[in-house]
Amino acid sequence: MKIVVALKQVAGRDSAFEVRPDGIWIDEDDLEFEVNEPDAYALEAALKLKESEGGEVVVLCAGPDRTSKAIKEALAKGADRAVHIELEDPERLDTLALAGLLAKVVETEAPDLVLTGLQSDDLGSGQTGVVLAELLGAPHASIIMEIEKSGSGLRVRRELEGGWFQHVELPLPAVLTIQSGISKLRYATLMGIKKARSKQVRHVSAEELAAGVAPVIRLDRLRLPEKTKETQMLDGPPAEAAAKLVEKLKFEARTL
C-alpha cells in the first residue's frame, strides 16, 4: 500500500507571538517550529498501516526552507521518502490554493491512500484534507479514530458528537483526516536519524504547480487579542447577588 501523508510545520505552541509590521501574518524571526501535532498522528497511522500491510509512506510538505526540519523528522520516524513543495509565503494561500498544490503532487504519486491531520494548530480550519479529497475526486472520511484494511478497501471508525462512533467502508484510493490522540506517537531512533540522511527528498517549486491555482480568500489583517478588564458590582441581598453571579459565570464567562 502506497500512502501519502500531508504534513505541515507550525510555530511552537508556547511561542511569544508578535504580528508582522504588514499585519498579514505573525513575525517568524524568533520562533521555534515543529510538526503540526494532528499531522504527526496521521504519520503514525500511516507507519502502522505500512507495518501491517507493507508498502511505502511518502511525506508531502509545503513550506519554506525551514520545513526541511519537519521532513527530516518524519523520515527519521520511518517514512520512506518525501516531496517538498518549496513555498516561501504559505500564509498567503487559502485552503483551496494550498490543497490545489498538494493535489497536483498527489496525482503524480498516485497513492492508494492520503492521510492528513484533522486540522492545523495555527489556523485550525480543518478543511485541507476534505478539500484535497474533493479536488482529487476521491472518497473521504474525517475525524478518523481507527483504520483497518478490508478486502480491496478500508473500514474506518469515525468519532461523532456525544461519545458516538460511526463505522464506514471506503474503496481505495481514498483520503482520510486523522483525529489527534488515537495512538501513542513514536520517537525517532538514532538508527532512524542516520537512515533519514540517505532517503530521497524531491523538491518541487510552487511556481511550477501554480497554474490554475489561485486563492479565493485573502487575509486582510491579523490582530492579537486585546486584554481588557471590567469590574461589575452586583447589588441586592446576598441570595440575589449570588444568583446573578451564577448566571454571569454560566452564560457570560462560561465557566460553569
C-alpha atoms as a PDB file:
ATOM      1  CA  MET A   1       0.000   0.000   0.000  1.00  0.00           C
ATOM      2  CA  LYS A   2       1.334   3.400  -1.002  1.00  0.00           C
ATOM      3  CA  ILE A   3       0.404   6.148   1.472  1.00  0.00           C
ATOM      4  CA  VAL A   4       0.977   9.890   1.133  1.00  0.00           C
ATOM      5  CA  VAL A   5       0.933  11.883   4.387  1.00  0.00           C
ATOM      6  CA  ALA A   6       0.484  15.648   4.184  1.00  0.00           C
ATOM      7  CA  LEU A   7       2.492  17.365   6.935  1.00  0.00           C
ATOM      8  CA  LYS A   8       2.506  20.996   7.995  1.00  0.00           C
ATOM      9  CA  GLN A   9       5.128  22.783  10.056  1.00  0.00           C
ATOM     10  CA  VAL A  10       3.715  25.270  12.562  1.00  0.00           C
ATOM     11  CA  ALA A  11       5.067  27.609  15.219  1.00  0.00           C
ATOM     12  CA  GLY A  12       5.515  26.061  18.668  1.00  0.00           C
ATOM     13  CA  ARG A  13       2.505  26.423  20.937  1.00  0.00           C
ATOM     14  CA  ASP A  14       4.488  28.125  23.693  1.00  0.00           C
ATOM     15  CA  SER A  15       5.928  30.785  21.403  1.00  0.00           C
ATOM     16  CA  ALA A  16       5.574  34.507  22.127  1.00  0.00           C
ATOM     17  CA  PHE A  17       3.705  35.752  19.063  1.00  0.00           C
ATOM     18  CA  GLU A  18       4.002  39.195  17.517  1.00  0.00           C
ATOM     19  CA  VAL A  19       2.243  40.449  14.391  1.00  0.00           C
ATOM     20  CA  ARG A  20       4.446  41.461  11.461  1.00  0.00           C
ATOM     21  CA  PRO A  21       4.560  45.175  10.556  1.00  0.00           C
ATOM     22  CA  ASP A  22       2.484  44.496   7.429  1.00  0.00           C
ATOM     23  CA  GLY A  23      -0.216  42.932   9.619  1.00  0.00           C
ATOM     24  CA  ILE A  24      -0.641  39.937   7.328  1.00  0.00           C
ATOM     25  CA  TRP A  25       0.962  37.239   9.495  1.00  0.00           C
ATOM     26  CA  ILE A  26       2.986  36.631  12.637  1.00  0.00           C
ATOM     27  CA  ASP A  27       6.660  37.592  12.908  1.00  0.00           C
ATOM     28  CA  GLU A  28       8.531  34.283  12.486  1.00  0.00           C
ATOM     29  CA  ASP A  29      12.095  35.518  13.047  1.00  0.00           C
ATOM     30  CA  ASP A  30      12.489  34.307  16.645  1.00  0.00           C
ATOM     31  CA  LEU A  31      10.024  31.417  16.651  1.00  0.00           C
ATOM     32  CA  GLU A  32      10.656  27.703  17.050  1.00  0.00           C
ATOM     33  CA  PHE A  33       8.788  25.468  14.608  1.00  0.00           C
ATOM     34  CA  GLU A  34       7.526  21.903  14.942  1.00  0.00           C
ATOM     35  CA  VAL A  35       5.429  19.317  13.130  1.00  0.00           C
ATOM     36  CA  ASN A  36       1.729  20.084  13.394  1.00  0.00           C
ATOM     37  CA  GLU A  37       0.529  17.665  16.093  1.00  0.00           C
ATOM     38  CA  PRO A  38      -2.577  16.345  14.264  1.00  0.00           C
ATOM     39  CA  ASP A  39      -0.365  15.625  11.233  1.00  0.00           C
ATOM     40  CA  ALA A  40       2.037  13.715  13.489  1.00  0.00           C
ATOM     41  CA  TYR A  41      -0.862  11.365  14.298  1.00  0.00           C
ATOM     42  CA  ALA A  42      -1.582  10.993  10.573  1.00  0.00           C
ATOM     43  CA  LEU A  43       2.053   9.967  10.068  1.00  0.00           C
ATOM     44  CA  GLU A  44       1.814   7.482  12.928  1.00  0.00           C
ATOM     45  CA  ALA A  45      -1.328   5.949  11.401  1.00  0.00           C
ATOM     46  CA  ALA A  46       0.465   5.623   8.051  1.00  0.00           C
ATOM     47  CA  LEU A  47       3.509   3.956   9.600  1.00  0.00           C
ATOM     48  CA  LYS A  48       1.293   1.451  11.435  1.00  0.00           C
ATOM     49  CA  LEU A  49      -0.509   0.583   8.199  1.00  0.00           C
ATOM     50  CA  LYS A  50       2.839   0.094   6.488  1.00  0.00           C
ATOM     51  CA  GLU A  51       3.963  -2.243   9.281  1.00  0.00           C
ATOM     52  CA  SER A  52       0.819  -4.353   8.981  1.00  0.00           C
ATOM     53  CA  GLU A  53       0.185  -4.223   5.226  1.00  0.00           C
ATOM     54  CA  GLY A  54       3.573  -3.361   3.720  1.00  0.00           C
ATOM     55  CA  GLY A  55       4.171  -0.678   1.141  1.00  0.00           C
ATOM     56  CA  GLU A  56       5.586   2.838   1.163  1.00  0.00           C
ATOM     57  CA  VAL A  57       4.975   6.054   3.138  1.00  0.00           C
ATOM     58  CA  VAL A  58       5.639   9.316   1.296  1.00  0.00           C
ATOM     59  CA  VAL A  59       5.648  12.615   3.199  1.00  0.00           C
ATOM     60  CA  LEU A  60       4.313  15.690   1.405  1.00  0.00           C
ATOM     61  CA  CYS A  61       5.092  19.089   2.901  1.00  0.00           C
ATOM     62  CA  ALA A  62       4.673  22.639   1.553  1.00  0.00           C
ATOM     63  CA  GLY A  63       6.674  25.490   3.039  1.00  0.00           C
ATOM     64  CA  PRO A  64       9.944  27.445   3.080  1.00  0.00           C
ATOM     65  CA  ASP A  65      13.442  26.058   3.720  1.00  0.00           C
ATOM     66  CA  ARG A  66      12.783  25.624   7.453  1.00  0.00           C
ATOM     67  CA  THR A  67      10.224  22.952   6.533  1.00  0.00           C
ATOM     68  CA  SER A  68      13.113  20.561   5.885  1.00  0.00           C
ATOM     69  CA  LYS A  69      13.351  20.026   9.657  1.00  0.00           C
ATOM     70  CA  ALA A  70       9.818  18.595   9.770  1.00  0.00           C
ATOM     71  CA  ILE A  71      10.553  16.438   6.735  1.00  0.00           C
ATOM     72  CA  LYS A  72      13.731  15.019   8.305  1.00  0.00           C
ATOM     73  CA  GLU A  73      11.831  14.200  11.494  1.00  0.00           C
ATOM     74  CA  ALA A  74       9.194  12.289   9.527  1.00  0.00           C
ATOM     75  CA  LEU A  75      11.858  10.371   7.592  1.00  0.00           C
ATOM     76  CA  ALA A  76      13.672   9.539  10.828  1.00  0.00           C
ATOM     77  CA  LYS A  77      10.450   8.085  12.264  1.00  0.00           C
ATOM     78  CA  GLY A  78      10.096   5.705   9.332  1.00  0.00           C
ATOM     79  CA  ALA A  79       8.706   7.460   6.242  1.00  0.00           C
ATOM     80  CA  ASP A  80      10.418   6.189   3.079  1.00  0.00           C
ATOM     81  CA  ARG A  81      10.829   9.420   1.128  1.00  0.00           C
ATOM     82  CA  ALA A  82       9.422  12.934   0.878  1.00  0.00           C
ATOM     83  CA  VAL A  83       8.266  15.639  -1.509  1.00  0.00           C
ATOM     84  CA  HIS A  84       8.937  19.252  -0.510  1.00  0.00           C
ATOM     85  CA  ILE A  85       6.843  21.915  -2.244  1.00  0.00           C
ATOM     86  CA  GLU A  86       9.058  24.974  -1.924  1.00  0.00           C
ATOM     87  CA  LEU A  87       6.712  27.745  -0.873  1.00  0.00           C
ATOM     88  CA  GLU A  88       8.127  30.900   0.688  1.00  0.00           C
ATOM     89  CA  ASP A  89       4.887  32.511   1.877  1.00  0.00           C
ATOM     90  CA  PRO A  90       2.392  29.741   2.716  1.00  0.00           C
ATOM     91  CA  GLU A  91       0.301  32.183   4.769  1.00  0.00           C
ATOM     92  CA  ARG A  92      -0.718  33.935   1.536  1.00  0.00           C
ATOM     93  CA  LEU A  93      -2.538  30.832   0.275  1.00  0.00           C
ATOM     94  CA  ASP A  94      -6.007  29.906   1.417  1.00  0.00           C
ATOM     95  CA  THR A  95      -7.151  26.305   1.903  1.00  0.00           C
ATOM     96  CA  LEU A  96      -8.270  25.883  -1.705  1.00  0.00           C
ATOM     97  CA  ALA A  97      -4.990  27.126  -3.189  1.00  0.00           C
ATOM     98  CA  LEU A  98      -2.837  25.060  -0.823  1.00  0.00           C
ATOM     99  CA  ALA A  99      -4.916  21.930  -1.413  1.00  0.00           C
ATOM    100  CA  GLY A 100      -4.549  22.585  -5.139  1.00  0.00           C
ATOM    101  CA  LEU A 101      -0.755  22.433  -4.880  1.00  0.00           C
ATOM    102  CA  LEU A 102      -0.919  19.271  -2.776  1.00  0.00           C
ATOM    103  CA  ALA A 103      -3.373  17.652  -5.196  1.00  0.00           C
ATOM    104  CA  LYS A 104      -1.042  18.128  -8.171  1.00  0.00           C
ATOM    105  CA  VAL A 105       1.776  16.287  -6.375  1.00  0.00           C
ATOM    106  CA  VAL A 106      -0.559  13.569  -5.117  1.00  0.00           C
ATOM    107  CA  GLU A 107      -1.741  12.955  -8.672  1.00  0.00           C
ATOM    108  CA  THR A 108       1.837  12.320  -9.792  1.00  0.00           C
ATOM    109  CA  GLU A 109       2.384   9.900  -6.900  1.00  0.00           C
ATOM    110  CA  ALA A 110      -0.892   8.005  -7.499  1.00  0.00           C
ATOM    111  CA  PRO A 111      -1.115   6.639  -3.905  1.00  0.00           C
ATOM    112  CA  ASP A 112      -3.659   4.187  -2.529  1.00  0.00           C
ATOM    113  CA  LEU A 113      -4.313   6.391   0.478  1.00  0.00           C
ATOM    114  CA  VAL A 114      -3.784  10.021   1.515  1.00  0.00           C
ATOM    115  CA  LEU A 115      -3.736  10.958   5.208  1.00  0.00           C
ATOM    116  CA  THR A 116      -3.825  14.400   6.778  1.00  0.00           C
ATOM    117  CA  GLY A 117      -4.287  15.651  10.313  1.00  0.00           C
ATOM    118  CA  LEU A 118      -7.758  16.782  11.297  1.00  0.00           C
ATOM    119  CA  GLN A 119      -6.664  20.433  11.461  1.00  0.00           C
ATOM    120  CA  SER A 120      -3.607  22.643  11.861  1.00  0.00           C
ATOM    121  CA  ASP A 121      -2.554  24.140  15.175  1.00  0.00           C
ATOM    122  CA  ASP A 122      -2.121  27.612  13.662  1.00  0.00           C
ATOM    123  CA  LEU A 123      -5.232  28.290  11.560  1.00  0.00           C
ATOM    124  CA  GLY A 124      -7.362  25.353  12.681  1.00  0.00           C
ATOM    125  CA  SER A 125      -9.758  25.458   9.729  1.00  0.00           C
ATOM    126  CA  GLY A 126      -9.979  21.671   9.442  1.00  0.00           C
ATOM    127  CA  GLN A 127     -10.573  21.953   5.690  1.00  0.00           C
ATOM    128  CA  THR A 128      -7.388  20.979   3.843  1.00  0.00           C
ATOM    129  CA  GLY A 129      -7.920  17.213   3.834  1.00  0.00           C
ATOM    130  CA  VAL A 130     -11.562  17.491   2.815  1.00  0.00           C
ATOM    131  CA  VAL A 131     -10.855  19.996   0.015  1.00  0.00           C
ATOM    132  CA  LEU A 132      -7.949  17.830  -1.172  1.00  0.00           C
ATOM    133  CA  ALA A 133     -10.290  14.849  -1.453  1.00  0.00           C
ATOM    134  CA  GLU A 134     -12.743  16.919  -3.498  1.00  0.00           C
ATOM    135  CA  LEU A 135     -10.022  18.098  -5.872  1.00  0.00           C
ATOM    136  CA  LEU A 136      -8.803  14.525  -6.327  1.00  0.00           C
ATOM    137  CA  GLY A 137     -12.330  13.199  -6.759  1.00  0.00           C
ATOM    138  CA  ALA A 138     -11.587  10.609  -4.071  1.00  0.00           C
ATOM    139  CA  PRO A 139     -13.873   9.209  -1.367  1.00  0.00           C
ATOM    140  CA  HIS A 140     -13.024  10.556   2.068  1.00  0.00           C
ATOM    141  CA  ALA A 141     -13.909  10.379   5.744  1.00  0.00           C
ATOM    142  CA  SER A 142     -12.948  12.718   8.570  1.00  0.00           C
ATOM    143  CA  ILE A 143     -12.227  12.517  12.325  1.00  0.00           C
ATOM    144  CA  ILE A 144     -10.828   9.010  11.943  1.00  0.00           C
ATOM    145  CA  MET A 145     -10.022   7.048  15.101  1.00  0.00           C
ATOM    146  CA  GLU A 146      -9.147   3.659  13.587  1.00  0.00           C
ATOM    147  CA  ILE A 147      -8.175   2.291  10.161  1.00  0.00           C
ATOM    148  CA  GLU A 148      -8.469  -1.341   9.107  1.00  0.00           C
ATOM    149  CA  LYS A 149      -7.740  -2.905   5.718  1.00  0.00           C
ATOM    150  CA  SER A 150     -10.859  -4.660   4.453  1.00  0.00           C
ATOM    151  CA  GLY A 151     -10.572  -6.592   1.193  1.00  0.00           C
ATOM    152  CA  SER A 152      -9.720  -4.113  -1.548  1.00  0.00           C
ATOM    153  CA  GLY A 153     -10.786  -1.138   0.573  1.00  0.00           C
ATOM    154  CA  LEU A 154     -10.776   0.213   4.126  1.00  0.00           C
ATOM    155  CA  ARG A 155     -13.020   0.063   7.159  1.00  0.00           C
ATOM    156  CA  VAL A 156     -12.640   3.121   9.392  1.00  0.00           C
ATOM    157  CA  ARG A 157     -14.101   4.308  12.677  1.00  0.00           C
ATOM    158  CA  ARG A 158     -15.171   7.965  12.874  1.00  0.00           C
ATOM    159  CA  GLU A 159     -15.720   9.965  16.036  1.00  0.00           C
ATOM    160  CA  LEU A 160     -19.109  11.666  16.271  1.00  0.00           C
ATOM    161  CA  GLU A 161     -20.576  14.000  18.867  1.00  0.00           C
ATOM    162  CA  GLY A 162     -21.763  12.849  22.274  1.00  0.00           C
ATOM    163  CA  GLY A 163     -19.423   9.869  22.526  1.00  0.00           C
ATOM    164  CA  TRP A 164     -20.853   8.126  19.446  1.00  0.00           C
ATOM    165  CA  PHE A 165     -18.831   6.448  16.684  1.00  0.00           C
ATOM    166  CA  GLN A 166     -19.550   5.528  13.095  1.00  0.00           C
ATOM    167  CA  HIS A 167     -18.023   2.690  11.050  1.00  0.00           C
ATOM    168  CA  VAL A 168     -17.584   3.424   7.345  1.00  0.00           C
ATOM    169  CA  GLU A 169     -16.251   1.305   4.480  1.00  0.00           C
ATOM    170  CA  LEU A 170     -14.429   3.084   1.657  1.00  0.00           C
ATOM    171  CA  PRO A 171     -12.885   1.927  -1.617  1.00  0.00           C
ATOM    172  CA  LEU A 172      -9.309   2.852  -2.468  1.00  0.00           C
ATOM    173  CA  PRO A 173      -7.829   5.288  -3.323  1.00  0.00           C
ATOM    174  CA  ALA A 174      -9.227   7.447  -0.521  1.00  0.00           C
ATOM    175  CA  VAL A 175      -8.423  10.458   1.660  1.00  0.00           C
ATOM    176  CA  LEU A 176      -8.729  10.403   5.472  1.00  0.00           C
ATOM    177  CA  THR A 177      -8.287  13.125   8.082  1.00  0.00           C
ATOM    178  CA  ILE A 178      -6.964  11.687  11.350  1.00  0.00           C
ATOM    179  CA  GLN A 179      -8.084  12.638  14.851  1.00  0.00           C
ATOM    180  CA  SER A 180      -5.376  13.535  17.369  1.00  0.00           C
ATOM    181  CA  GLY A 181      -4.626  11.179  20.231  1.00  0.00           C
ATOM    182  CA  ILE A 182      -5.667   7.939  18.512  1.00  0.00           C
ATOM    183  CA  SER A 183      -2.372   6.256  19.423  1.00  0.00           C
ATOM    184  CA  LYS A 184       0.965   6.880  21.068  1.00  0.00           C
ATOM    185  CA  LEU A 185       3.419   8.777  18.886  1.00  0.00           C
ATOM    186  CA  ARG A 186       6.789   7.132  18.277  1.00  0.00           C
ATOM    187  CA  TYR A 187      10.143   8.840  18.693  1.00  0.00           C
ATOM    188  CA  ALA A 188      12.850   8.894  16.055  1.00  0.00           C
ATOM    189  CA  THR A 189      15.569   6.385  16.938  1.00  0.00           C
ATOM    190  CA  LEU A 190      19.272   7.006  16.428  1.00  0.00           C
ATOM    191  CA  MET A 191      19.259   4.437  13.627  1.00  0.00           C
ATOM    192  CA  GLY A 192      16.245   6.153  12.075  1.00  0.00           C
ATOM    193  CA  ILE A 193      18.008   9.518  12.170  1.00  0.00           C
ATOM    194  CA  LYS A 194      21.046   8.013  10.410  1.00  0.00           C
ATOM    195  CA  LYS A 195      18.894   6.357   7.735  1.00  0.00           C
ATOM    196  CA  ALA A 196      16.972   9.594   7.115  1.00  0.00           C
ATOM    197  CA  ARG A 197      20.137  11.224   5.752  1.00  0.00           C
ATOM    198  CA  SER A 198      20.155   8.913   2.738  1.00  0.00           C
ATOM    199  CA  LYS A 199      16.408   8.993   1.995  1.00  0.00           C
ATOM    200  CA  GLN A 200      15.170  10.823  -1.072  1.00  0.00           C
ATOM    201  CA  VAL A 201      13.594  14.275  -0.786  1.00  0.00           C
ATOM    202  CA  ARG A 202      12.171  15.553  -4.071  1.00  0.00           C
ATOM    203  CA  HIS A 203      11.938  19.343  -4.315  1.00  0.00           C
ATOM    204  CA  VAL A 204       9.169  20.918  -6.354  1.00  0.00           C
ATOM    205  CA  SER A 205       8.743  24.649  -6.896  1.00  0.00           C
ATOM    206  CA  ALA A 206       5.326  26.028  -6.013  1.00  0.00           C
ATOM    207  CA  GLU A 207       5.530  28.165  -9.166  1.00  0.00           C
ATOM    208  CA  GLU A 208       5.705  25.007 -11.267  1.00  0.00           C
ATOM    209  CA  LEU A 209       2.452  23.781  -9.735  1.00  0.00           C
ATOM    210  CA  ALA A 210       0.624  27.105  -9.534  1.00  0.00           C
ATOM    211  CA  ALA A 211      -1.027  27.029 -12.984  1.00  0.00           C
ATOM    212  CA  GLY A 212      -4.770  27.213 -12.378  1.00  0.00           C
ATOM    213  CA  VAL A 213      -4.275  27.504  -8.622  1.00  0.00           C
ATOM    214  CA  ALA A 214      -5.193  30.815  -7.005  1.00  0.00           C
ATOM    215  CA  PRO A 215      -6.529  31.799  -3.571  1.00  0.00           C
ATOM    216  CA  VAL A 216     -10.139  32.951  -3.359  1.00  0.00           C
ATOM    217  CA  ILE A 217      -9.881  34.196   0.232  1.00  0.00           C
ATOM    218  CA  ARG A 218      -7.425  36.901   1.281  1.00  0.00           C
ATOM    219  CA  LEU A 219      -6.239  37.510   4.830  1.00  0.00           C
ATOM    220  CA  ASP A 220      -6.614  41.244   5.239  1.00  0.00           C
ATOM    221  CA  ARG A 221      -5.151  41.813   8.675  1.00  0.00           C
ATOM    222  CA  LEU A 222      -4.112  39.830  11.745  1.00  0.00           C
ATOM    223  CA  ARG A 223      -4.543  41.188  15.253  1.00  0.00           C
ATOM    224  CA  LEU A 224      -3.575  39.810  18.650  1.00  0.00           C
ATOM    225  CA  PRO A 225      -6.440  39.586  21.177  1.00  0.00           C
ATOM    226  CA  GLU A 226      -6.767  42.665  23.358  1.00  0.00           C
ATOM    227  CA  LYS A 227      -6.613  42.084  27.081  1.00  0.00           C
ATOM    228  CA  THR A 228      -9.297  44.056  28.909  1.00  0.00           C
ATOM    229  CA  LYS A 229     -10.567  44.124  32.478  1.00  0.00           C
ATOM    230  CA  GLU A 230     -14.012  45.056  33.697  1.00  0.00           C
ATOM    231  CA  THR A 231     -15.393  45.228  37.220  1.00  0.00           C
ATOM    232  CA  GLN A 232     -19.104  44.691  37.817  1.00  0.00           C
ATOM    233  CA  MET A 233     -20.854  45.351  41.117  1.00  0.00           C
ATOM    234  CA  LEU A 234     -23.742  43.033  41.931  1.00  0.00           C
ATOM    235  CA  ASP A 235     -26.356  44.836  44.062  1.00  0.00           C
ATOM    236  CA  GLY A 236     -29.080  43.389  46.223  1.00  0.00           C
ATOM    237  CA  PRO A 237     -29.361  40.892  49.102  1.00  0.00           C
ATOM    238  CA  PRO A 238     -26.739  38.089  49.254  1.00  0.00           C
ATOM    239  CA  ALA A 239     -29.057  35.453  47.780  1.00  0.00           C
ATOM    240  CA  GLU A 240     -29.999  37.697  44.858  1.00  0.00           C
ATOM    241  CA  ALA A 241     -26.367  38.734  44.249  1.00  0.00           C
ATOM    242  CA  ALA A 242     -25.301  35.081  44.329  1.00  0.00           C
ATOM    243  CA  ALA A 243     -27.948  34.178  41.742  1.00  0.00           C
ATOM    244  CA  LYS A 244     -26.727  36.994  39.481  1.00  0.00           C
ATOM    245  CA  LEU A 245     -23.136  35.792  39.898  1.00  0.00           C
ATOM    246  CA  VAL A 246     -24.056  32.236  38.959  1.00  0.00           C
ATOM    247  CA  GLU A 247     -25.902  33.474  35.868  1.00  0.00           C
ATOM    248  CA  LYS A 248     -22.889  35.520  34.713  1.00  0.00           C
ATOM    249  CA  LEU A 249     -20.460  32.664  35.330  1.00  0.00           C
ATOM    250  CA  LYS A 250     -22.700  30.332  33.357  1.00  0.00           C
ATOM    251  CA  PHE A 251     -23.718  32.465  30.369  1.00  0.00           C
ATOM    252  CA  GLU A 252     -21.022  35.153  30.098  1.00  0.00           C
ATOM    253  CA  ALA A 253     -17.822  33.655  31.486  1.00  0.00           C
ATOM    254  CA  ARG A 254     -18.991  30.115  30.596  1.00  0.00           C
ATOM    255  CA  THR A 255     -17.072  28.608  33.484  1.00  0.00           C
ATOM    256  CA  LEU A 256     -19.968  26.590  34.914  1.00  0.00           C
END
